[in-house]
Structures are given as structure tokens and as C-alpha cells.
Amino acid sequence: MSESTPLGFRVPPEKAAALEKLAAATDRPKSWLLEQALDAYLETNAWQVAHIEQGLADLKAGKAVPHDKVADWLKSWGGSAERKRPR
């Protein structure tokens, strides 16, 4: 088993009860369920932050489409004169 560090935090009683119920239903320890949830949360947020940082870098590098061009393109959707995606 890999090294681990204890971590504690407070939750409302209804969340603690829901965790207990899930642990019993899945025959898994609460700590395992919490670790799985934390892994998913960290992965999702790391992905989001990386994409935000990439977007900001693209913006600084001039790789952006002005808002008014995007807005005009979106307004044309569904009409007979639908425009091509701006670049």
C-alpha cells in the first residue's frame, strides 16, 4: 500500500449519512469512496485550469476571434445566410 496522509474535514450530517449508506451498499470503506471522489474532483479541475491557462496564452499570442465577429456568426445561425465560422 502506498504512503498516505490523514486528512479531515467537516460535512453536514446528511452527507455523512449518505456516505455511510453508499459505503454499505458498495461494500467499500468510506475512505476509499472519498479518495475516489477527490481523485475525480482534482482531475476535472486540473483539466479545467490547464485549458483556461492555454486559452489565456492563446489570447496573449493573438490567437483570438473578436467578440463582435463571433456574435454576428451566431446571429446568422438557422437563417438562409448562415455565415462560416470566423477565424
Protein backbone atom coordinates (compact mmCIF):
# COMPACT_ATOMS: atom_id res chain seq x y z
CA MET A 1 0.00 0.00 0.00
CA SER A 2 1.29 3.45 -0.85
CA GLU A 3 2.01 6.07 1.75
CA SER A 4 -0.93 8.20 2.76
CA THR A 5 -1.59 11.31 4.79
CA PRO A 6 -4.60 11.71 7.06
CA LEU A 7 -7.00 14.42 6.01
CA GLY A 8 -10.06 15.61 7.89
CA PHE A 9 -12.92 17.97 7.17
CA ARG A 10 -16.44 18.64 8.37
CA VAL A 11 -19.63 17.87 6.45
CA PRO A 12 -23.32 18.21 7.25
CA PRO A 13 -24.87 15.14 8.91
CA GLU A 14 -26.92 14.30 5.83
CA LYS A 15 -23.76 14.00 3.71
CA ALA A 16 -22.13 11.79 6.31
CA ALA A 17 -25.23 9.59 6.34
CA ALA A 18 -25.26 9.39 2.54
CA LEU A 19 -21.60 8.38 2.59
CA GLU A 20 -22.32 5.68 5.18
CA LYS A 21 -25.19 4.38 3.06
CA LEU A 22 -23.07 4.31 -0.10
CA ALA A 23 -20.20 2.59 1.70
CA ALA A 24 -22.55 -0.12 2.97
CA ALA A 25 -24.24 -0.55 -0.41
CA THR A 26 -20.94 -0.86 -2.29
CA ASP A 27 -19.07 -2.77 0.44
CA ARG A 28 -16.31 -0.17 0.28
CA PRO A 29 -14.68 1.81 3.07
CA LYS A 30 -15.73 5.45 3.36
CA SER A 31 -12.10 6.47 2.95
CA TRP A 32 -11.91 4.66 -0.40
CA LEU A 33 -15.06 6.40 -1.64
CA LEU A 34 -13.75 9.78 -0.52
CA GLU A 35 -10.41 9.17 -2.21
CA GLN A 36 -12.18 8.26 -5.46
CA ALA A 37 -14.28 11.41 -5.25
CA LEU A 38 -11.21 13.55 -4.52
CA ASP A 39 -9.31 12.00 -7.45
CA ALA A 40 -12.19 12.79 -9.82
CA TYR A 41 -12.50 16.35 -8.48
CA LEU A 42 -8.78 17.05 -8.78
CA GLU A 43 -8.58 15.58 -12.28
CA THR A 44 -11.55 17.61 -13.52
CA ASN A 45 -10.31 20.86 -12.03
CA ALA A 46 -6.72 20.34 -13.21
CA TRP A 47 -8.09 19.81 -16.74
CA GLN A 48 -10.17 22.98 -16.48
CA VAL A 49 -7.32 25.12 -15.15
CA ALA A 50 -4.95 23.82 -17.84
CA HIS A 51 -7.44 24.73 -20.57
CA ILE A 52 -8.04 28.18 -19.09
CA GLU A 53 -4.29 28.77 -18.97
CA GLN A 54 -3.97 27.60 -22.59
CA GLY A 55 -6.78 29.93 -23.61
CA LEU A 56 -5.11 32.87 -21.90
CA ALA A 57 -1.81 32.02 -23.59
CA ASP A 58 -3.58 31.85 -26.96
CA LEU A 59 -5.18 35.22 -26.25
CA LYS A 60 -1.81 36.77 -25.40
CA ALA A 61 -0.37 35.29 -28.61
CA GLY A 62 -3.11 36.96 -30.65
CA LYS A 63 -4.92 33.69 -31.41
CA ALA A 64 -8.40 35.04 -30.75
CA VAL A 65 -11.53 35.97 -32.64
CA PRO A 66 -13.12 39.31 -31.72
CA HIS A 67 -16.41 39.06 -29.84
CA ASP A 68 -18.39 41.02 -32.43
CA LYS A 69 -17.39 38.56 -35.20
CA VAL A 70 -18.47 35.60 -33.09
CA ALA A 71 -21.73 37.32 -32.14
CA ASP A 72 -22.53 38.10 -35.80
CA TRP A 73 -21.78 34.50 -36.75
CA LEU A 74 -24.07 33.15 -34.02
CA LYS A 75 -26.88 35.51 -35.04
CA SER A 76 -26.71 34.08 -38.56
CA TRP A 77 -27.35 30.50 -37.42
CA GLY A 78 -30.51 28.95 -38.79
CA GLY A 79 -31.03 31.63 -41.41
CA SER A 80 -30.69 31.43 -45.16
CA ALA A 81 -27.46 33.46 -45.00
CA GLU A 82 -25.67 31.46 -42.29
CA ARG A 83 -22.07 32.59 -42.14
CA LYS A 84 -18.92 30.49 -41.90
CA ARG A 85 -17.13 30.23 -38.58
CA PRO A 86 -14.92 33.29 -38.06
CA ARG A 87 -11.19 32.79 -37.73
